[in-house]
Amino acid sequence: MGRSIIQLPANMFRIQEVIYQVKPDMIIETGVAHGGSLIYYAGLCKLIGKGRVVGVDIEIEPHNRKAIESHTRSISQFSDSWLIYRSSRWFCKILI
């Protein structure tokens, strides 16, 4: 999908299986880096027809942020624990 992923391929397969089984309303990823896994999770949510993805990081480089925000299923924003707590009241199943 055009963005680097800093995870082992085996882990990505396992996470894919968890997302399919749980079908979360929201996935929160802490530590966005290049945004590859964030976009990957958003693509999985699109395939199963459910879920949104939120990326939380201290700093996201402008070119990475632009690429992440261009994907229709992802939400990228600087955040603190208050926003995570508050957003957890909006959804039923959250995968972190």
Foldseek 3Di string as FASTA:
>chain_A
DPWDDDDDPVVLVVVLVVCLVQVFQEEEAEDCALPPVQLVVLVSNVVSVHHAYEYEYQDDDPVSVVVQVVRPRYHYDHDDVVVVVVVPVVTDGYHD
